[in-house]
Amino acid sequence: MNSLLKSIEIIEAVSENQPVGVGELAKLLDMPKSSVQRVLMTFQEAGWLRQAGGELTRWEISPRVIGVRPNALKGGALQKAAREPMQALCNAVNETAHLSIPDGTNAMVLVEEVECKQFVRTAYKIGDVSPFHATANGLALLAFMNASQVATILNRDLKKYGDKTINDPALIREELARIRERGYSVNFGQYRHAIYAIGAPIFDSSGIAVASVCISMPESRFDEGRIEEWARAVTGAASQISRGRAGA
């Protein structure tokens, strides 16, 4: 069982850090390089991983994973409720819209995306995972999770992705209070360098936050004077999705 769990940790680490080398994975997981290499080769033989190429051997998730996505990632009630509001949001602001759900208290998972028509735009892969503490979608949901869930997430060793990442639990809690007050989250390059985003939570019929939606853009198009305008568009889309999901 321990061996199986370690193998799952490796494939999850590849997904989060791809393309990634054996040495980097070994350091991240505190495992011998030889053990990591054996697991990688096994997953490659099974078709779950592939070598990304380049001077050093680096690994990435293979397209086969997409074929076995659970229904939660394929288009259930949430995605159906989100499709039109997300398209309208994308059209209104001409920026890419993203829909994410939590994987328990582990991470956020991207389940839907509507790309804008800008020549330079942000884009991610369906199924990509991202942290709660450093993303607009993650913070939007984290602000409305229960105290136990928030404690579980913030009591971890929170990774710093760059100079702008806030990984101090006390400062994050202060930001969560601001999000609850204003109804939306912001991410000013805290996760990906020069990528800015504004997000809002999506609730089920019981008032529980179950997902979040955001828009993201390159820093070059960010205009501080438009935050309120963008926030109204995002929170409006989130409200529409919440109502649509409740009525599904």
C-alpha atoms as a PDB file:
ATOM      1  CA  MET A   1       0.000   0.000   0.000  1.00  0.00           C
ATOM      2  CA  ASN A   2       2.822   2.400   0.869  1.00  0.00           C
ATOM      3  CA  SER A   3       4.421   1.743  -2.520  1.00  0.00           C
ATOM      4  CA  LEU A   4       1.121   2.484  -4.271  1.00  0.00           C
ATOM      5  CA  LEU A   5       0.677   5.739  -2.359  1.00  0.00           C
ATOM      6  CA  LYS A   6       4.212   6.821  -3.265  1.00  0.00           C
ATOM      7  CA  SER A   7       3.487   6.079  -6.925  1.00  0.00           C
ATOM      8  CA  ILE A   8       0.346   8.208  -6.778  1.00  0.00           C
ATOM      9  CA  GLU A   9       2.344  11.023  -5.157  1.00  0.00           C
ATOM     10  CA  ILE A  10       4.804  10.894  -8.041  1.00  0.00           C
ATOM     11  CA  ILE A  11       2.166  11.121 -10.785  1.00  0.00           C
ATOM     12  CA  GLU A  12       0.442  13.983  -8.908  1.00  0.00           C
ATOM     13  CA  ALA A  13       3.789  15.799  -8.580  1.00  0.00           C
ATOM     14  CA  VAL A  14       4.391  15.410 -12.317  1.00  0.00           C
ATOM     15  CA  SER A  15       0.926  16.824 -13.032  1.00  0.00           C
ATOM     16  CA  GLU A  16       1.541  19.857 -10.824  1.00  0.00           C
ATOM     17  CA  ASN A  17       5.104  20.614 -11.960  1.00  0.00           C
ATOM     18  CA  GLN A  18       5.282  19.347 -15.554  1.00  0.00           C
ATOM     19  CA  PRO A  19       7.514  19.191 -17.439  1.00  0.00           C
ATOM     20  CA  VAL A  20       9.699  18.047 -14.559  1.00  0.00           C
ATOM     21  CA  GLY A  21      12.947  16.124 -14.207  1.00  0.00           C
ATOM     22  CA  VAL A  22      13.694  13.075 -12.079  1.00  0.00           C
ATOM     23  CA  GLY A  23      16.044  14.984  -9.810  1.00  0.00           C
ATOM     24  CA  GLU A  24      13.493  17.692  -9.110  1.00  0.00           C
ATOM     25  CA  LEU A  25      10.818  15.097  -8.346  1.00  0.00           C
ATOM     26  CA  ALA A  26      13.158  13.253  -5.992  1.00  0.00           C
ATOM     27  CA  LYS A  27      13.805  16.471  -4.060  1.00  0.00           C
ATOM     28  CA  LEU A  28      10.133  17.452  -3.959  1.00  0.00           C
ATOM     29  CA  LEU A  29       9.079  14.050  -2.627  1.00  0.00           C
ATOM     30  CA  ASP A  30      12.218  13.253  -0.593  1.00  0.00           C
ATOM     31  CA  MET A  31      12.667   9.970  -2.432  1.00  0.00           C
ATOM     32  CA  PRO A  32      15.709   8.268  -4.029  1.00  0.00           C
ATOM     33  CA  LYS A  33      16.120   9.142  -7.696  1.00  0.00           C
ATOM     34  CA  SER A  34      16.309   5.453  -8.584  1.00  0.00           C
ATOM     35  CA  SER A  35      12.894   4.806  -6.990  1.00  0.00           C
ATOM     36  CA  VAL A  36      11.326   7.776  -8.764  1.00  0.00           C
ATOM     37  CA  GLN A  37      12.833   6.690 -12.081  1.00  0.00           C
ATOM     38  CA  ARG A  38      11.378   3.167 -11.743  1.00  0.00           C
ATOM     39  CA  VAL A  39       7.884   4.538 -11.098  1.00  0.00           C
ATOM     40  CA  LEU A  40       8.155   6.974 -14.009  1.00  0.00           C
ATOM     41  CA  MET A  41       9.180   4.194 -16.378  1.00  0.00           C
ATOM     42  CA  THR A  42       6.263   2.039 -15.177  1.00  0.00           C
ATOM     43  CA  PHE A  43       3.770   4.842 -15.768  1.00  0.00           C
ATOM     44  CA  GLN A  44       5.315   5.500 -19.187  1.00  0.00           C
ATOM     45  CA  GLU A  45       4.897   1.838 -20.129  1.00  0.00           C
ATOM     46  CA  ALA A  46       1.270   2.013 -19.006  1.00  0.00           C
ATOM     47  CA  GLY A  47       0.725   5.144 -21.092  1.00  0.00           C
ATOM     48  CA  TRP A  48       0.065   7.575 -18.232  1.00  0.00           C
ATOM     49  CA  LEU A  49       3.308   9.565 -18.544  1.00  0.00           C
ATOM     50  CA  ARG A  50       5.581  10.528 -21.404  1.00  0.00           C
ATOM     51  CA  GLN A  51       8.983  12.128 -21.801  1.00  0.00           C
ATOM     52  CA  ALA A  52       8.770  15.799 -22.680  1.00  0.00           C
ATOM     53  CA  GLY A  53      12.101  15.875 -24.519  1.00  0.00           C
ATOM     54  CA  GLY A  54      14.834  18.501 -24.384  1.00  0.00           C
ATOM     55  CA  GLU A  55      18.448  18.228 -23.232  1.00  0.00           C
ATOM     56  CA  LEU A  56      17.462  16.632 -19.915  1.00  0.00           C
ATOM     57  CA  THR A  57      14.811  13.971 -19.606  1.00  0.00           C
ATOM     58  CA  ARG A  58      11.696  15.672 -18.323  1.00  0.00           C
ATOM     59  CA  TRP A  59       8.296  14.155 -17.737  1.00  0.00           C
ATOM     60  CA  GLU A  60       4.704  15.174 -18.316  1.00  0.00           C
ATOM     61  CA  ILE A  61       1.219  13.676 -18.125  1.00  0.00           C
ATOM     62  CA  SER A  62       0.173  11.888 -21.318  1.00  0.00           C
ATOM     63  CA  PRO A  63      -3.094  12.619 -23.160  1.00  0.00           C
ATOM     64  CA  ARG A  64      -4.422   9.207 -22.070  1.00  0.00           C
ATOM     65  CA  VAL A  65      -5.317  10.730 -18.697  1.00  0.00           C
ATOM     66  CA  ILE A  66      -7.893  12.979 -20.374  1.00  0.00           C
ATOM     67  CA  GLY A  67      -9.699   9.926 -21.720  1.00  0.00           C
ATOM     68  CA  VAL A  68     -10.420   8.578 -18.252  1.00  0.00           C
ATOM     69  CA  ARG A  69     -11.442  11.814 -16.565  1.00  0.00           C
ATOM     70  CA  PRO A  70     -14.270  11.320 -14.088  1.00  0.00           C
ATOM     71  CA  ASN A  71     -17.638  12.888 -14.838  1.00  0.00           C
ATOM     72  CA  ALA A  72     -16.762  15.812 -12.558  1.00  0.00           C
ATOM     73  CA  LEU A  73     -14.195  16.854 -15.157  1.00  0.00           C
ATOM     74  CA  LYS A  74     -16.270  16.049 -18.227  1.00  0.00           C
ATOM     75  CA  GLY A  75     -19.363  18.166 -17.983  1.00  0.00           C
ATOM     76  CA  GLY A  76     -21.789  17.511 -15.152  1.00  0.00           C
ATOM     77  CA  ALA A  77     -24.440  19.847 -13.769  1.00  0.00           C
ATOM     78  CA  LEU A  78     -21.869  22.431 -12.706  1.00  0.00           C
ATOM     79  CA  GLN A  79     -20.322  22.732 -16.153  1.00  0.00           C
ATOM     80  CA  LYS A  80     -23.708  22.865 -17.822  1.00  0.00           C
ATOM     81  CA  ALA A  81     -24.775  25.673 -15.499  1.00  0.00           C
ATOM     82  CA  ALA A  82     -21.470  27.459 -16.064  1.00  0.00           C
ATOM     83  CA  ARG A  83     -21.150  27.256 -19.829  1.00  0.00           C
ATOM     84  CA  GLU A  84     -23.316  30.216 -20.882  1.00  0.00           C
ATOM     85  CA  PRO A  85     -22.374  32.552 -17.990  1.00  0.00           C
ATOM     86  CA  MET A  86     -18.682  31.854 -18.629  1.00  0.00           C
ATOM     87  CA  GLN A  87     -19.037  32.564 -22.342  1.00  0.00           C
ATOM     88  CA  ALA A  88     -20.909  35.789 -21.563  1.00  0.00           C
ATOM     89  CA  LEU A  89     -18.212  36.757 -19.046  1.00  0.00           C
ATOM     90  CA  CYS A  90     -15.457  36.081 -21.572  1.00  0.00           C
ATOM     91  CA  ASN A  91     -17.290  38.118 -24.227  1.00  0.00           C
ATOM     92  CA  ALA A  92     -17.903  41.017 -21.833  1.00  0.00           C
ATOM     93  CA  VAL A  93     -14.306  41.462 -20.683  1.00  0.00           C
ATOM     94  CA  ASN A  94     -12.446  39.760 -23.561  1.00  0.00           C
ATOM     95  CA  GLU A  95     -10.318  37.743 -21.146  1.00  0.00           C
ATOM     96  CA  THR A  96     -10.147  34.004 -20.522  1.00  0.00           C
ATOM     97  CA  ALA A  97     -12.571  32.590 -17.947  1.00  0.00           C
ATOM     98  CA  HIS A  98     -11.737  29.580 -15.773  1.00  0.00           C
ATOM     99  CA  LEU A  99     -13.941  27.320 -13.648  1.00  0.00           C
ATOM    100  CA  SER A 100     -12.329  25.291 -10.839  1.00  0.00           C
ATOM    101  CA  ILE A 101     -13.484  22.879  -8.155  1.00  0.00           C
ATOM    102  CA  PRO A 102     -11.682  21.752  -4.991  1.00  0.00           C
ATOM    103  CA  ASP A 103     -10.025  18.366  -4.713  1.00  0.00           C
ATOM    104  CA  GLY A 104     -10.934  18.123  -1.042  1.00  0.00           C
ATOM    105  CA  THR A 105      -8.436  20.321   0.774  1.00  0.00           C
ATOM    106  CA  ASN A 106      -5.568  19.299  -1.506  1.00  0.00           C
ATOM    107  CA  ALA A 107      -5.800  21.717  -4.429  1.00  0.00           C
ATOM    108  CA  MET A 108      -8.057  23.368  -6.985  1.00  0.00           C
ATOM    109  CA  VAL A 109      -8.747  21.526 -10.241  1.00  0.00           C
ATOM    110  CA  LEU A 110      -9.563  23.302 -13.507  1.00  0.00           C
ATOM    111  CA  VAL A 111     -12.713  21.779 -15.028  1.00  0.00           C
ATOM    112  CA  GLU A 112     -13.805  24.320 -17.645  1.00  0.00           C
ATOM    113  CA  GLU A 113     -12.238  27.161 -19.601  1.00  0.00           C
ATOM    114  CA  VAL A 114     -13.442  29.688 -22.164  1.00  0.00           C
ATOM    115  CA  GLU A 115     -10.555  31.314 -24.026  1.00  0.00           C
ATOM    116  CA  CYS A 116     -10.739  34.924 -25.145  1.00  0.00           C
ATOM    117  CA  LYS A 117      -9.787  36.097 -28.616  1.00  0.00           C
ATOM    118  CA  GLN A 118      -6.810  38.198 -27.534  1.00  0.00           C
ATOM    119  CA  PHE A 119      -3.583  37.350 -29.374  1.00  0.00           C
ATOM    120  CA  VAL A 120      -1.753  37.106 -26.035  1.00  0.00           C
ATOM    121  CA  ARG A 121      -3.911  35.276 -23.502  1.00  0.00           C
ATOM    122  CA  THR A 122      -3.741  32.905 -20.582  1.00  0.00           C
ATOM    123  CA  ALA A 123      -4.617  29.266 -21.112  1.00  0.00           C
ATOM    124  CA  TYR A 124      -4.372  26.133 -19.008  1.00  0.00           C
ATOM    125  CA  LYS A 125      -5.246  22.473 -19.488  1.00  0.00           C
ATOM    126  CA  ILE A 126      -8.450  20.922 -18.175  1.00  0.00           C
ATOM    127  CA  GLY A 127      -7.448  18.922 -15.108  1.00  0.00           C
ATOM    128  CA  ASP A 128      -4.589  21.257 -14.136  1.00  0.00           C
ATOM    129  CA  VAL A 129      -4.221  21.611 -10.380  1.00  0.00           C
ATOM    130  CA  SER A 130      -3.320  24.813  -8.536  1.00  0.00           C
ATOM    131  CA  PRO A 131      -2.901  25.871  -4.895  1.00  0.00           C
ATOM    132  CA  PHE A 132      -5.584  27.470  -2.757  1.00  0.00           C
ATOM    133  CA  HIS A 133      -3.363  30.159  -1.244  1.00  0.00           C
ATOM    134  CA  ALA A 134      -1.869  31.668  -4.405  1.00  0.00           C
ATOM    135  CA  THR A 135      -4.677  31.760  -6.985  1.00  0.00           C
ATOM    136  CA  ALA A 136      -7.842  33.797  -7.478  1.00  0.00           C
ATOM    137  CA  ASN A 137      -9.991  30.684  -7.794  1.00  0.00           C
ATOM    138  CA  GLY A 138      -8.367  29.084  -4.762  1.00  0.00           C
ATOM    139  CA  LEU A 139      -8.678  32.137  -2.517  1.00  0.00           C
ATOM    140  CA  ALA A 140     -12.281  32.763  -3.606  1.00  0.00           C
ATOM    141  CA  LEU A 141     -13.249  29.293  -2.418  1.00  0.00           C
ATOM    142  CA  LEU A 142     -10.964  29.237   0.624  1.00  0.00           C
ATOM    143  CA  ALA A 143     -12.640  32.387   1.971  1.00  0.00           C
ATOM    144  CA  PHE A 144     -15.945  30.518   2.253  1.00  0.00           C
ATOM    145  CA  MET A 145     -14.743  27.105   3.440  1.00  0.00           C
ATOM    146  CA  ASN A 146     -15.364  26.074   7.035  1.00  0.00           C
ATOM    147  CA  ALA A 147     -12.829  26.788   9.778  1.00  0.00           C
ATOM    148  CA  SER A 148     -11.547  23.224   9.902  1.00  0.00           C
ATOM    149  CA  GLN A 149     -10.875  23.111   6.161  1.00  0.00           C
ATOM    150  CA  VAL A 150      -9.152  26.491   6.226  1.00  0.00           C
ATOM    151  CA  ALA A 151      -6.951  25.381   9.129  1.00  0.00           C
ATOM    152  CA  THR A 152      -6.005  22.165   7.312  1.00  0.00           C
ATOM    153  CA  ILE A 153      -4.907  24.122   4.238  1.00  0.00           C
ATOM    154  CA  LEU A 154      -3.119  26.977   6.009  1.00  0.00           C
ATOM    155  CA  ASN A 155      -1.305  24.748   8.510  1.00  0.00           C
ATOM    156  CA  ARG A 156       0.708  23.219   5.669  1.00  0.00           C
ATOM    157  CA  ASP A 157       4.089  24.387   4.465  1.00  0.00           C
ATOM    158  CA  LEU A 158       2.692  26.802   1.860  1.00  0.00           C
ATOM    159  CA  LYS A 159       4.837  27.021  -1.238  1.00  0.00           C
ATOM    160  CA  LYS A 160       6.157  30.361  -2.433  1.00  0.00           C
ATOM    161  CA  TYR A 161       5.885  30.545  -6.223  1.00  0.00           C
ATOM    162  CA  GLY A 162       7.539  33.947  -6.580  1.00  0.00           C
ATOM    163  CA  ASP A 163       8.208  37.227  -4.819  1.00  0.00           C
ATOM    164  CA  LYS A 164       4.519  38.139  -4.822  1.00  0.00           C
ATOM    165  CA  THR A 165       3.253  34.888  -3.289  1.00  0.00           C
ATOM    166  CA  ILE A 166       1.746  35.382   0.158  1.00  0.00           C
ATOM    167  CA  ASN A 167       2.423  32.257   2.232  1.00  0.00           C
ATOM    168  CA  ASP A 168       2.068  33.650   5.761  1.00  0.00           C
ATOM    169  CA  PRO A 169      -1.150  32.105   7.205  1.00  0.00           C
ATOM    170  CA  ALA A 170      -1.945  35.245   9.218  1.00  0.00           C
ATOM    171  CA  LEU A 171      -1.735  37.466   6.132  1.00  0.00           C
ATOM    172  CA  ILE A 172      -3.794  34.999   4.116  1.00  0.00           C
ATOM    173  CA  ARG A 173      -6.510  35.014   6.784  1.00  0.00           C
ATOM    174  CA  GLU A 174      -6.611  38.815   6.579  1.00  0.00           C
ATOM    175  CA  GLU A 175      -7.067  38.558   2.817  1.00  0.00           C
ATOM    176  CA  LEU A 176      -9.817  35.973   3.245  1.00  0.00           C
ATOM    177  CA  ALA A 177     -11.693  38.415   5.460  1.00  0.00           C
ATOM    178  CA  ARG A 178     -11.418  41.077   2.739  1.00  0.00           C
ATOM    179  CA  ILE A 179     -12.685  38.598   0.140  1.00  0.00           C
ATOM    180  CA  ARG A 180     -15.730  37.768   2.255  1.00  0.00           C
ATOM    181  CA  GLU A 181     -16.451  41.469   2.654  1.00  0.00           C
ATOM    182  CA  ARG A 182     -16.151  42.492  -0.992  1.00  0.00           C
ATOM    183  CA  GLY A 183     -17.228  39.170  -2.592  1.00  0.00           C
ATOM    184  CA  TYR A 184     -14.260  38.576  -4.894  1.00  0.00           C
ATOM    185  CA  SER A 185     -10.588  37.598  -4.828  1.00  0.00           C
ATOM    186  CA  VAL A 186      -7.559  38.969  -6.640  1.00  0.00           C
ATOM    187  CA  ASN A 187      -4.280  37.452  -7.710  1.00  0.00           C
ATOM    188  CA  PHE A 188      -1.580  39.858  -8.797  1.00  0.00           C
ATOM    189  CA  GLY A 189       1.085  37.474 -10.077  1.00  0.00           C
ATOM    190  CA  GLN A 190       1.109  35.415  -6.893  1.00  0.00           C
ATOM    191  CA  TYR A 191       1.089  32.046  -8.693  1.00  0.00           C
ATOM    192  CA  ARG A 192       2.288  32.556 -12.249  1.00  0.00           C
ATOM    193  CA  HIS A 193       4.637  35.437 -12.989  1.00  0.00           C
ATOM    194  CA  ALA A 194       2.872  38.401 -14.626  1.00  0.00           C
ATOM    195  CA  ILE A 195      -0.530  36.660 -14.663  1.00  0.00           C
ATOM    196  CA  TYR A 196      -3.317  38.582 -12.911  1.00  0.00           C
ATOM    197  CA  ALA A 197      -6.779  37.262 -12.055  1.00  0.00           C
ATOM    198  CA  ILE A 198     -10.057  38.102 -10.334  1.00  0.00           C
ATOM    199  CA  GLY A 199     -12.274  35.324  -8.953  1.00  0.00           C
ATOM    200  CA  ALA A 200     -15.556  34.695  -7.146  1.00  0.00           C
ATOM    201  CA  PRO A 201     -17.119  31.711  -5.346  1.00  0.00           C
ATOM    202  CA  ILE A 202     -19.980  29.564  -6.611  1.00  0.00           C
ATOM    203  CA  PHE A 203     -22.487  28.206  -4.079  1.00  0.00           C
ATOM    204  CA  ASP A 204     -24.877  25.265  -4.061  1.00  0.00           C
ATOM    205  CA  SER A 205     -28.509  25.465  -2.950  1.00  0.00           C
ATOM    206  CA  SER A 206     -27.428  25.052   0.694  1.00  0.00           C
ATOM    207  CA  GLY A 207     -25.109  28.035   0.538  1.00  0.00           C
ATOM    208  CA  ILE A 208     -21.937  25.942   0.530  1.00  0.00           C
ATOM    209  CA  ALA A 209     -19.101  27.113  -1.710  1.00  0.00           C
ATOM    210  CA  VAL A 210     -18.473  24.313  -4.206  1.00  0.00           C
ATOM    211  CA  ALA A 211     -16.500  25.950  -7.012  1.00  0.00           C
ATOM    212  CA  SER A 212     -15.148  29.256  -8.254  1.00  0.00           C
ATOM    213  CA  VAL A 213     -14.862  31.184 -11.481  1.00  0.00           C
ATOM    214  CA  CYS A 214     -12.261  33.738 -12.478  1.00  0.00           C
ATOM    215  CA  ILE A 215     -10.880  35.739 -15.353  1.00  0.00           C
ATOM    216  CA  SER A 216      -7.154  35.946 -15.931  1.00  0.00           C
ATOM    217  CA  MET A 217      -4.970  38.166 -18.054  1.00  0.00           C
ATOM    218  CA  PRO A 218      -1.336  39.072 -18.672  1.00  0.00           C
ATOM    219  CA  GLU A 219      -0.022  41.861 -16.472  1.00  0.00           C
ATOM    220  CA  SER A 220       0.390  44.057 -19.557  1.00  0.00           C
ATOM    221  CA  ARG A 221      -3.421  44.340 -19.894  1.00  0.00           C
ATOM    222  CA  PHE A 222      -4.175  44.804 -16.227  1.00  0.00           C
ATOM    223  CA  ASP A 223      -5.674  48.202 -15.343  1.00  0.00           C
ATOM    224  CA  GLU A 224      -6.154  48.900 -11.636  1.00  0.00           C
ATOM    225  CA  GLY A 225      -8.922  51.339 -12.492  1.00  0.00           C
ATOM    226  CA  ARG A 226     -11.005  48.497 -13.955  1.00  0.00           C
ATOM    227  CA  ILE A 227     -10.888  46.141 -10.957  1.00  0.00           C
ATOM    228  CA  GLU A 228     -14.401  47.018  -9.805  1.00  0.00           C
ATOM    229  CA  GLU A 229     -15.781  46.651 -13.342  1.00  0.00           C
ATOM    230  CA  TRP A 230     -14.127  43.259 -13.786  1.00  0.00           C
ATOM    231  CA  ALA A 231     -15.171  42.173 -10.292  1.00  0.00           C
ATOM    232  CA  ARG A 232     -18.833  42.975 -11.048  1.00  0.00           C
ATOM    233  CA  ALA A 233     -18.631  40.871 -14.198  1.00  0.00           C
ATOM    234  CA  VAL A 234     -17.023  37.926 -12.384  1.00  0.00           C
ATOM    235  CA  THR A 235     -19.338  38.009  -9.354  1.00  0.00           C
ATOM    236  CA  GLY A 236     -22.306  38.337 -11.694  1.00  0.00           C
ATOM    237  CA  ALA A 237     -21.225  35.230 -13.588  1.00  0.00           C
ATOM    238  CA  ALA A 238     -20.647  33.368 -10.310  1.00  0.00           C
ATOM    239  CA  SER A 239     -24.159  34.280  -9.133  1.00  0.00           C
ATOM    240  CA  GLN A 240     -25.658  33.084 -12.421  1.00  0.00           C
ATOM    241  CA  ILE A 241     -23.819  29.782 -12.167  1.00  0.00           C
ATOM    242  CA  SER A 242     -24.908  29.358  -8.545  1.00  0.00           C
ATOM    243  CA  ARG A 243     -28.541  29.914  -9.501  1.00  0.00           C
ATOM    244  CA  GLY A 244     -28.261  27.612 -12.508  1.00  0.00           C
ATOM    245  CA  ARG A 245     -26.658  24.875 -10.446  1.00  0.00           C
ATOM    246  CA  ALA A 246     -29.323  25.153  -7.762  1.00  0.00           C
ATOM    247  CA  GLY A 247     -32.005  24.767 -10.394  1.00  0.00           C
ATOM    248  CA  ALA A 248     -30.356  21.858 -12.178  1.00  0.00           C
END
